[in-house]
C-alpha atoms as a PDB file:
ATOM      1  CA  MET A   1      -0.053   0.050   0.084  1.00  0.00           C
ATOM      2  CA  ASN A   2       1.411   3.286  -1.128  1.00  0.00           C
ATOM      3  CA  VAL A   3       0.478   5.460   1.889  1.00  0.00           C
ATOM      4  CA  HIS A   4       2.354   8.346   0.474  1.00  0.00           C
ATOM      5  CA  ALA A   5       0.277   8.425  -2.657  1.00  0.00           C
ATOM      6  CA  ILE A   6      -3.071   8.196  -0.628  1.00  0.00           C
ATOM      7  CA  LEU A   7      -1.844  11.163   1.559  1.00  0.00           C
ATOM      8  CA  ALA A   8      -0.722  13.232  -1.436  1.00  0.00           C
ATOM      9  CA  ILE A   9      -4.280  12.949  -3.123  1.00  0.00           C
ATOM     10  CA  TYR A  10      -5.982  13.274   0.176  1.00  0.00           C
ATOM     11  CA  ARG A  11      -4.174  16.506   1.104  1.00  0.00           C
ATOM     12  CA  PHE A  12      -4.655  17.903  -2.270  1.00  0.00           C
ATOM     13  CA  GLU A  13      -8.456  17.347  -1.998  1.00  0.00           C
ATOM     14  CA  MET A  14      -8.680  18.578   1.542  1.00  0.00           C
ATOM     15  CA  ALA A  15      -6.723  21.798   0.607  1.00  0.00           C
ATOM     16  CA  ARG A  16      -9.690  22.720  -1.657  1.00  0.00           C
ATOM     17  CA  MET A  17     -11.912  22.848   1.441  1.00  0.00           C
ATOM     18  CA  GLY A  18      -9.524  25.407   3.129  1.00  0.00           C
ATOM     19  CA  ARG A  19      -9.747  27.488  -0.150  1.00  0.00           C
ATOM     20  CA  THR A  20     -13.468  27.552  -0.276  1.00  0.00           C
ATOM     21  CA  LEU A  21     -14.191  27.570   3.447  1.00  0.00           C
ATOM     22  CA  PHE A  22     -17.305  29.800   3.069  1.00  0.00           C
ATOM     23  CA  GLN A  23     -18.870  27.559   0.420  1.00  0.00           C
ATOM     24  CA  SER A  24     -17.825  24.333   2.083  1.00  0.00           C
ATOM     25  CA  ILE A  25     -18.668  25.182   5.875  1.00  0.00           C
ATOM     26  CA  ALA A  26     -20.378  28.424   6.265  1.00  0.00           C
ATOM     27  CA  ALA A  27     -23.123  28.096   3.527  1.00  0.00           C
ATOM     28  CA  PRO A  28     -24.319  24.724   4.684  1.00  0.00           C
ATOM     29  CA  VAL A  29     -24.387  25.859   8.285  1.00  0.00           C
ATOM     30  CA  LEU A  30     -26.349  29.063   7.264  1.00  0.00           C
ATOM     31  CA  SER A  31     -28.861  26.764   5.445  1.00  0.00           C
ATOM     32  CA  THR A  32     -29.261  24.509   8.561  1.00  0.00           C
ATOM     33  CA  SER A  33     -29.802  27.491  10.658  1.00  0.00           C
ATOM     34  CA  LEU A  34     -32.577  28.814   8.417  1.00  0.00           C
ATOM     35  CA  TYR A  35     -34.252  25.239   8.628  1.00  0.00           C
ATOM     36  CA  PHE A  36     -34.344  25.655  12.405  1.00  0.00           C
ATOM     37  CA  ILE A  37     -35.829  29.054  12.223  1.00  0.00           C
ATOM     38  CA  VAL A  38     -38.561  28.086   9.642  1.00  0.00           C
ATOM     39  CA  PHE A  39     -39.297  24.425  10.629  1.00  0.00           C
ATOM     40  CA  GLY A  40     -38.280  24.443  14.347  1.00  0.00           C
ATOM     41  CA  ALA A  41     -39.539  27.693  15.531  1.00  0.00           C
ATOM     42  CA  ALA A  42     -42.503  28.417  13.088  1.00  0.00           C
ATOM     43  CA  ILE A  43     -43.762  24.845  12.545  1.00  0.00           C
ATOM     44  CA  GLY A  44     -42.376  23.482  15.743  1.00  0.00           C
ATOM     45  CA  SER A  45     -44.566  25.904  17.699  1.00  0.00           C
ATOM     46  CA  ARG A  46     -47.617  24.118  16.369  1.00  0.00           C
ATOM     47  CA  ILE A  47     -46.406  20.560  16.917  1.00  0.00           C
ATOM     48  CA  ALA A  48     -45.912  19.474  20.446  1.00  0.00           C
ATOM     49  CA  GLU A  49     -43.885  16.330  20.153  1.00  0.00           C
ATOM     50  CA  ILE A  50     -43.307  13.358  17.880  1.00  0.00           C
ATOM     51  CA  ASP A  51     -42.475   9.982  19.500  1.00  0.00           C
ATOM     52  CA  GLY A  52     -42.037  11.892  22.772  1.00  0.00           C
ATOM     53  CA  VAL A  53     -39.236  14.091  21.288  1.00  0.00           C
ATOM     54  CA  SER A  54     -39.733  17.901  20.739  1.00  0.00           C
ATOM     55  CA  TYR A  55     -40.149  18.758  17.033  1.00  0.00           C
ATOM     56  CA  GLY A  56     -36.973  20.981  16.987  1.00  0.00           C
ATOM     57  CA  SER A  57     -35.007  18.163  18.404  1.00  0.00           C
ATOM     58  CA  PHE A  58     -36.668  15.491  16.152  1.00  0.00           C
ATOM     59  CA  ILE A  59     -35.444  17.204  12.938  1.00  0.00           C
ATOM     60  CA  VAL A  60     -31.764  17.371  13.983  1.00  0.00           C
ATOM     61  CA  PRO A  61     -30.698  13.937  12.659  1.00  0.00           C
ATOM     62  CA  GLY A  62     -32.651  14.398   9.522  1.00  0.00           C
ATOM     63  CA  LEU A  63     -31.094  17.680   8.837  1.00  0.00           C
ATOM     64  CA  ILE A  64     -27.579  16.334   9.465  1.00  0.00           C
ATOM     65  CA  MET A  65     -28.292  13.329   7.148  1.00  0.00           C
ATOM     66  CA  LEU A  66     -29.842  15.815   4.504  1.00  0.00           C
ATOM     67  CA  THR A  67     -26.447  17.764   4.496  1.00  0.00           C
ATOM     68  CA  LEU A  68     -24.234  14.572   4.748  1.00  0.00           C
ATOM     69  CA  LEU A  69     -25.759  12.787   1.790  1.00  0.00           C
ATOM     70  CA  THR A  70     -25.829  15.849  -0.571  1.00  0.00           C
ATOM     71  CA  GLU A  71     -22.214  16.869   0.374  1.00  0.00           C
ATOM     72  CA  SER A  72     -20.751  13.566   0.239  1.00  0.00           C
ATOM     73  CA  VAL A  73     -22.081  13.077  -3.353  1.00  0.00           C
ATOM     74  CA  SER A  74     -21.172  16.564  -4.332  1.00  0.00           C
ATOM     75  CA  ASN A  75     -17.555  16.568  -2.950  1.00  0.00           C
ATOM     76  CA  ALA A  76     -16.636  13.291  -4.362  1.00  0.00           C
ATOM     77  CA  SER A  77     -18.212  13.749  -7.692  1.00  0.00           C
ATOM     78  CA  PHE A  78     -16.556  17.036  -8.140  1.00  0.00           C
ATOM     79  CA  GLY A  79     -13.105  15.654  -6.866  1.00  0.00           C
ATOM     80  CA  ILE A  80     -12.868  13.039  -9.528  1.00  0.00           C
ATOM     81  CA  TYR A  81     -14.796  14.973 -12.312  1.00  0.00           C
ATOM     82  CA  PHE A  82     -12.548  18.059 -12.335  1.00  0.00           C
ATOM     83  CA  PRO A  83      -9.358  16.112 -13.060  1.00  0.00           C
ATOM     84  CA  LYS A  84     -11.216  14.490 -16.042  1.00  0.00           C
ATOM     85  CA  TYR A  85     -12.450  17.915 -17.049  1.00  0.00           C
ATOM     86  CA  ALA A  86      -8.894  19.569 -16.884  1.00  0.00           C
ATOM     87  CA  GLY A  87      -7.113  16.349 -18.394  1.00  0.00           C
ATOM     88  CA  THR A  88      -4.940  15.992 -15.139  1.00  0.00           C
ATOM     89  CA  ILE A  89      -6.427  12.629 -14.455  1.00  0.00           C
ATOM     90  CA  TYR A  90      -4.052  11.005 -16.836  1.00  0.00           C
ATOM     91  CA  GLU A  91      -1.267  12.010 -14.603  1.00  0.00           C
ATOM     92  CA  VAL A  92      -2.741  10.169 -11.757  1.00  0.00           C
ATOM     93  CA  LEU A  93      -3.577   7.125 -13.882  1.00  0.00           C
ATOM     94  CA  SER A  94       0.002   6.941 -15.327  1.00  0.00           C
ATOM     95  CA  ALA A  95       1.492   7.200 -11.780  1.00  0.00           C
ATOM     96  CA  PRO A  96       2.488   4.000  -9.944  1.00  0.00           C
ATOM     97  CA  VAL A  97      -0.651   4.041  -7.983  1.00  0.00           C
ATOM     98  CA  SER A  98      -3.284   1.378  -7.762  1.00  0.00           C
ATOM     99  CA  PHE A  99      -6.982   2.116  -8.119  1.00  0.00           C
ATOM    100  CA  VAL A 100      -7.327   1.190  -4.294  1.00  0.00           C
ATOM    101  CA  GLU A 101      -5.061   3.938  -3.485  1.00  0.00           C
ATOM    102  CA  ILE A 102      -6.660   6.516  -5.684  1.00  0.00           C
ATOM    103  CA  LEU A 103     -10.066   5.593  -4.249  1.00  0.00           C
ATOM    104  CA  ALA A 104      -8.874   5.878  -0.738  1.00  0.00           C
ATOM    105  CA  GLY A 105      -7.386   9.360  -1.298  1.00  0.00           C
ATOM    106  CA  PHE A 106     -10.550  10.800  -3.192  1.00  0.00           C
ATOM    107  CA  VAL A 107     -13.212   9.131  -1.226  1.00  0.00           C
ATOM    108  CA  GLY A 108     -11.297   9.615   2.119  1.00  0.00           C
ATOM    109  CA  ALA A 109     -11.226  13.308   1.655  1.00  0.00           C
ATOM    110  CA  ALA A 110     -14.745  13.559   0.502  1.00  0.00           C
ATOM    111  CA  ALA A 111     -15.974  11.562   3.453  1.00  0.00           C
ATOM    112  CA  THR A 112     -13.830  13.599   5.916  1.00  0.00           C
ATOM    113  CA  LYS A 113     -15.258  16.976   4.527  1.00  0.00           C
ATOM    114  CA  SER A 114     -18.780  15.671   5.010  1.00  0.00           C
ATOM    115  CA  ILE A 115     -18.058  14.230   8.564  1.00  0.00           C
ATOM    116  CA  VAL A 116     -16.587  17.591   9.751  1.00  0.00           C
ATOM    117  CA  LEU A 117     -19.634  19.307   8.286  1.00  0.00           C
ATOM    118  CA  GLY A 118     -21.883  16.902   9.967  1.00  0.00           C
ATOM    119  CA  ILE A 119     -20.150  17.667  13.281  1.00  0.00           C
ATOM    120  CA  VAL A 120     -20.415  21.360  12.678  1.00  0.00           C
ATOM    121  CA  ILE A 121     -24.031  21.109  11.907  1.00  0.00           C
ATOM    122  CA  LEU A 122     -24.624  19.006  15.123  1.00  0.00           C
ATOM    123  CA  ALA A 123     -22.821  21.850  17.159  1.00  0.00           C
ATOM    124  CA  THR A 124     -24.881  24.520  15.413  1.00  0.00           C
ATOM    125  CA  ALA A 125     -28.084  22.461  16.207  1.00  0.00           C
ATOM    126  CA  SER A 126     -27.186  22.256  19.766  1.00  0.00           C
ATOM    127  CA  LEU A 127     -27.429  26.200  20.058  1.00  0.00           C
ATOM    128  CA  PHE A 128     -31.204  26.046  19.004  1.00  0.00           C
ATOM    129  CA  VAL A 129     -32.528  22.886  20.825  1.00  0.00           C
ATOM    130  CA  ASP A 130     -31.462  20.321  23.426  1.00  0.00           C
ATOM    131  CA  ILE A 131     -29.938  17.274  22.069  1.00  0.00           C
ATOM    132  CA  ASP A 132     -29.460  13.940  23.749  1.00  0.00           C
ATOM    133  CA  ILE A 133     -27.646  11.244  22.068  1.00  0.00           C
ATOM    134  CA  LEU A 134     -28.549   7.842  23.588  1.00  0.00           C
ATOM    135  CA  HIS A 135     -26.061   5.807  21.312  1.00  0.00           C
ATOM    136  CA  PRO A 136     -23.249   7.963  20.494  1.00  0.00           C
ATOM    137  CA  TRP A 137     -20.879   5.272  19.216  1.00  0.00           C
ATOM    138  CA  TRP A 138     -23.702   4.056  16.910  1.00  0.00           C
ATOM    139  CA  MET A 139     -24.271   7.650  15.760  1.00  0.00           C
ATOM    140  CA  ALA A 140     -20.553   8.056  15.064  1.00  0.00           C
ATOM    141  CA  GLY A 141     -20.594   4.747  13.161  1.00  0.00           C
ATOM    142  CA  PHE A 142     -23.485   5.595  11.006  1.00  0.00           C
ATOM    143  CA  LEU A 143     -22.177   8.995  10.417  1.00  0.00           C
ATOM    144  CA  VAL A 144     -18.988   7.475   8.953  1.00  0.00           C
ATOM    145  CA  LEU A 145     -20.608   4.582   7.167  1.00  0.00           C
ATOM    146  CA  THR A 146     -23.116   6.954   5.432  1.00  0.00           C
ATOM    147  CA  ALA A 147     -20.375   9.473   4.504  1.00  0.00           C
ATOM    148  CA  VAL A 148     -18.156   6.895   3.042  1.00  0.00           C
ATOM    149  CA  THR A 149     -20.994   5.067   1.150  1.00  0.00           C
ATOM    150  CA  PHE A 150     -22.285   8.227  -0.621  1.00  0.00           C
ATOM    151  CA  SER A 151     -18.773   9.419  -1.232  1.00  0.00           C
ATOM    152  CA  LEU A 152     -18.141   6.206  -3.134  1.00  0.00           C
ATOM    153  CA  PHE A 153     -21.434   6.791  -4.860  1.00  0.00           C
ATOM    154  CA  GLY A 154     -20.423  10.253  -5.685  1.00  0.00           C
ATOM    155  CA  PHE A 155     -17.096   9.011  -6.961  1.00  0.00           C
ATOM    156  CA  VAL A 156     -18.913   6.633  -9.447  1.00  0.00           C
ATOM    157  CA  LEU A 157     -21.246   9.630 -10.539  1.00  0.00           C
ATOM    158  CA  GLY A 158     -18.109  11.920 -11.083  1.00  0.00           C
ATOM    159  CA  ILE A 159     -16.609   9.178 -13.451  1.00  0.00           C
ATOM    160  CA  TRP A 160     -19.963   8.625 -15.156  1.00  0.00           C
ATOM    161  CA  ALA A 161     -20.616  12.341 -15.913  1.00  0.00           C
ATOM    162  CA  ASP A 162     -19.328  13.834 -19.118  1.00  0.00           C
ATOM    163  CA  SER A 163     -20.713  17.303 -18.670  1.00  0.00           C
ATOM    164  CA  TRP A 164     -21.303  19.719 -15.696  1.00  0.00           C
ATOM    165  CA  GLU A 165     -25.081  19.373 -16.270  1.00  0.00           C
ATOM    166  CA  LYS A 166     -24.887  15.553 -15.679  1.00  0.00           C
ATOM    167  CA  LEU A 167     -22.899  16.090 -12.533  1.00  0.00           C
ATOM    168  CA  ALA A 168     -25.380  18.162 -10.991  1.00  0.00           C
ATOM    169  CA  PHE A 169     -28.301  16.119 -12.303  1.00  0.00           C
ATOM    170  CA  VAL A 170     -28.280  13.306  -9.605  1.00  0.00           C
ATOM    171  CA  PRO A 171     -27.574  15.438  -6.358  1.00  0.00           C
ATOM    172  CA  THR A 172     -30.095  18.041  -7.387  1.00  0.00           C
ATOM    173  CA  LEU A 173     -33.033  16.099  -8.917  1.00  0.00           C
ATOM    174  CA  ILE A 174     -32.732  12.760  -7.181  1.00  0.00           C
ATOM    175  CA  ILE A 175     -30.753  12.829  -3.844  1.00  0.00           C
ATOM    176  CA  THR A 176     -32.333  16.050  -2.478  1.00  0.00           C
ATOM    177  CA  PRO A 177     -35.913  15.116  -3.312  1.00  0.00           C
ATOM    178  CA  LEU A 178     -35.440  11.484  -2.050  1.00  0.00           C
ATOM    179  CA  THR A 179     -33.966  13.077   1.243  1.00  0.00           C
ATOM    180  CA  PHE A 180     -36.795  15.468   1.863  1.00  0.00           C
ATOM    181  CA  LEU A 181     -39.286  12.778   1.080  1.00  0.00           C
ATOM    182  CA  GLY A 182     -37.265  10.293   3.477  1.00  0.00           C
ATOM    183  CA  GLY A 183     -38.556  11.324   6.896  1.00  0.00           C
ATOM    184  CA  THR A 184     -36.256  14.305   7.438  1.00  0.00           C
ATOM    185  CA  PHE A 185     -38.774  16.401   8.818  1.00  0.00           C
ATOM    186  CA  TYR A 186     -41.408  13.860   9.797  1.00  0.00           C
ATOM    187  CA  SER A 187     -41.959  10.322  11.030  1.00  0.00           C
ATOM    188  CA  ILE A 188     -43.367   8.042   8.266  1.00  0.00           C
ATOM    189  CA  ASN A 189     -45.738   6.629  10.884  1.00  0.00           C
ATOM    190  CA  VAL A 190     -47.842   9.726  10.694  1.00  0.00           C
ATOM    191  CA  LEU A 191     -48.612   8.997   7.096  1.00  0.00           C
ATOM    192  CA  PRO A 192     -51.646   6.931   5.830  1.00  0.00           C
ATOM    193  CA  PRO A 193     -50.787   3.255   5.471  1.00  0.00           C
ATOM    194  CA  PHE A 194     -50.591   3.247   1.674  1.00  0.00           C
ATOM    195  CA  TRP A 195     -48.005   6.089   1.738  1.00  0.00           C
ATOM    196  CA  GLN A 196     -46.060   4.371   4.571  1.00  0.00           C
ATOM    197  CA  THR A 197     -45.673   1.428   2.314  1.00  0.00           C
ATOM    198  CA  VAL A 198     -44.624   3.679  -0.558  1.00  0.00           C
ATOM    199  CA  MET A 199     -41.983   5.390   1.520  1.00  0.00           C
ATOM    200  CA  LEU A 200     -40.484   2.071   2.200  1.00  0.00           C
ATOM    201  CA  PHE A 201     -39.124   2.125  -1.476  1.00  0.00           C
ATOM    202  CA  ASN A 202     -37.234   5.284  -0.611  1.00  0.00           C
ATOM    203  CA  PRO A 203     -33.758   4.143   0.559  1.00  0.00           C
ATOM    204  CA  VAL A 204     -33.042   7.440   2.344  1.00  0.00           C
ATOM    205  CA  VAL A 205     -35.872   6.439   4.853  1.00  0.00           C
ATOM    206  CA  TYR A 206     -33.653   3.648   6.249  1.00  0.00           C
ATOM    207  CA  LEU A 207     -30.707   6.065   6.558  1.00  0.00           C
ATOM    208  CA  VAL A 208     -32.526   8.818   8.473  1.00  0.00           C
ATOM    209  CA  SER A 209     -34.394   6.200  10.643  1.00  0.00           C
ATOM    210  CA  ALA A 210     -31.218   4.453  11.800  1.00  0.00           C
ATOM    211  CA  PHE A 211     -29.439   7.758  12.397  1.00  0.00           C
ATOM    212  CA  ARG A 212     -32.464   9.039  14.401  1.00  0.00           C
ATOM    213  CA  TRP A 213     -32.518   5.962  16.376  1.00  0.00           C
ATOM    214  CA  SER A 214     -28.991   6.493  17.522  1.00  0.00           C
ATOM    215  CA  PHE A 215     -30.034   9.877  18.908  1.00  0.00           C
ATOM    216  CA  TYR A 216     -33.398   9.186  20.625  1.00  0.00           C
ATOM    217  CA  GLY A 217     -33.932   5.267  20.441  1.00  0.00           C
ATOM    218  CA  ASN A 218     -36.926   5.742  17.975  1.00  0.00           C
ATOM    219  CA  ALA A 219     -36.904   4.179  14.594  1.00  0.00           C
ATOM    220  CA  ASP A 220     -39.477   3.977  11.791  1.00  0.00           C
ATOM    221  CA  VAL A 221     -38.031   0.834  10.509  1.00  0.00           C
ATOM    222  CA  SER A 222     -35.694  -1.898  11.719  1.00  0.00           C
ATOM    223  CA  VAL A 223     -32.131  -0.583  12.624  1.00  0.00           C
ATOM    224  CA  ALA A 224     -30.710  -3.993  11.483  1.00  0.00           C
ATOM    225  CA  LEU A 225     -32.474  -3.565   8.172  1.00  0.00           C
ATOM    226  CA  SER A 226     -31.147  -0.118   7.733  1.00  0.00           C
ATOM    227  CA  LEU A 227     -27.488  -1.187   8.401  1.00  0.00           C
ATOM    228  CA  ALA A 228     -27.938  -4.237   6.141  1.00  0.00           C
ATOM    229  CA  MET A 229     -29.179  -2.016   3.261  1.00  0.00           C
ATOM    230  CA  THR A 230     -26.485   0.784   3.695  1.00  0.00           C
ATOM    231  CA  CYS A 231     -23.790  -1.955   3.620  1.00  0.00           C
ATOM    232  CA  GLY A 232     -25.402  -3.548   0.560  1.00  0.00           C
ATOM    233  CA  PHE A 233     -25.348  -0.127  -1.226  1.00  0.00           C
ATOM    234  CA  LEU A 234     -21.596   0.137  -0.023  1.00  0.00           C
ATOM    235  CA  LEU A 235     -20.754  -3.222  -1.529  1.00  0.00           C
ATOM    236  CA  ALA A 236     -22.434  -2.326  -4.825  1.00  0.00           C
ATOM    237  CA  CYS A 237     -20.584   0.874  -5.215  1.00  0.00           C
ATOM    238  CA  LEU A 238     -17.194  -0.859  -4.384  1.00  0.00           C
ATOM    239  CA  VAL A 239     -17.911  -3.523  -7.213  1.00  0.00           C
ATOM    240  CA  THR A 240     -18.916  -0.673  -9.615  1.00  0.00           C
ATOM    241  CA  VAL A 241     -15.685   1.153  -8.839  1.00  0.00           C
ATOM    242  CA  TRP A 242     -13.707  -2.160  -9.357  1.00  0.00           C
ATOM    243  CA  ALA A 243     -15.316  -2.630 -12.671  1.00  0.00           C
ATOM    244  CA  ILE A 244     -14.785   1.001 -13.837  1.00  0.00           C
ATOM    245  CA  PHE A 245     -10.929   0.683 -13.207  1.00  0.00           C
ATOM    246  CA  ARG A 246     -10.707  -2.672 -14.622  1.00  0.00           C
ATOM    247  CA  THR A 247     -12.387  -1.717 -17.898  1.00  0.00           C
ATOM    248  CA  GLY A 248     -11.190   2.102 -17.864  1.00  0.00           C
ATOM    249  CA  TYR A 249     -14.699   3.124 -18.388  1.00  0.00           C
ATOM    250  CA  ARG A 250     -14.792   7.017 -19.211  1.00  0.00           C
ATOM    251  CA  LEU A 251     -11.187   7.229 -17.632  1.00  0.00           C
ATOM    252  CA  LYS A 252      -9.046   6.158 -20.640  1.00  0.00           C
ATOM    253  CA  PRO A 253      -9.618   6.923 -24.292  1.00  0.00           C
END
């Protein structure tokens, strides 16, 4: 394992976060604060509790997951797409570096950015509402697992995309709507039975449910099922990346 190569890619990607600190950290934190003002204060004042948790506290795990998913996909997809766009990807591919080391550098940096952002948003949320984390180790585990999984997905997306429009298509028109409809601001148990069944086909429901369970001990679906589905998606992304590097799909002429 070429640790120096991994660290070189990792540090280069992390340096971008320092250069775009406002876009990377301040903008998502500001958006989260607005969510708390609109949903937590305006709507929360009309909703007493959900599953024994105040509405303002209830939406915290969903807001963190909303940001985590979108930022993981965006960071990883941009990280690999821009070298393709600029033509510098061939320098990486021609270097004595394996695809595992390339993957570890790019995905590790994207996941780190998302995890840092998730922690910052959690700290921001604590300024608005009281937060009790019943299972802190599970919370940290779900945070890391989700960030890595969707950073892998973003990496695949960045390789697949051959234009800036395609790069923005999945995060904007698929990930974000699925997250808003995945129980971020409500429990699916409040929906009619038919729509509860429909929501079970939304994979984000399982992520939000498991993450919320680590905070308050309440879950809309089985935590074991949520963990299994996330690990399954992680494995599917790994297999896809292996196939991409084996065939050179959209990496080599």
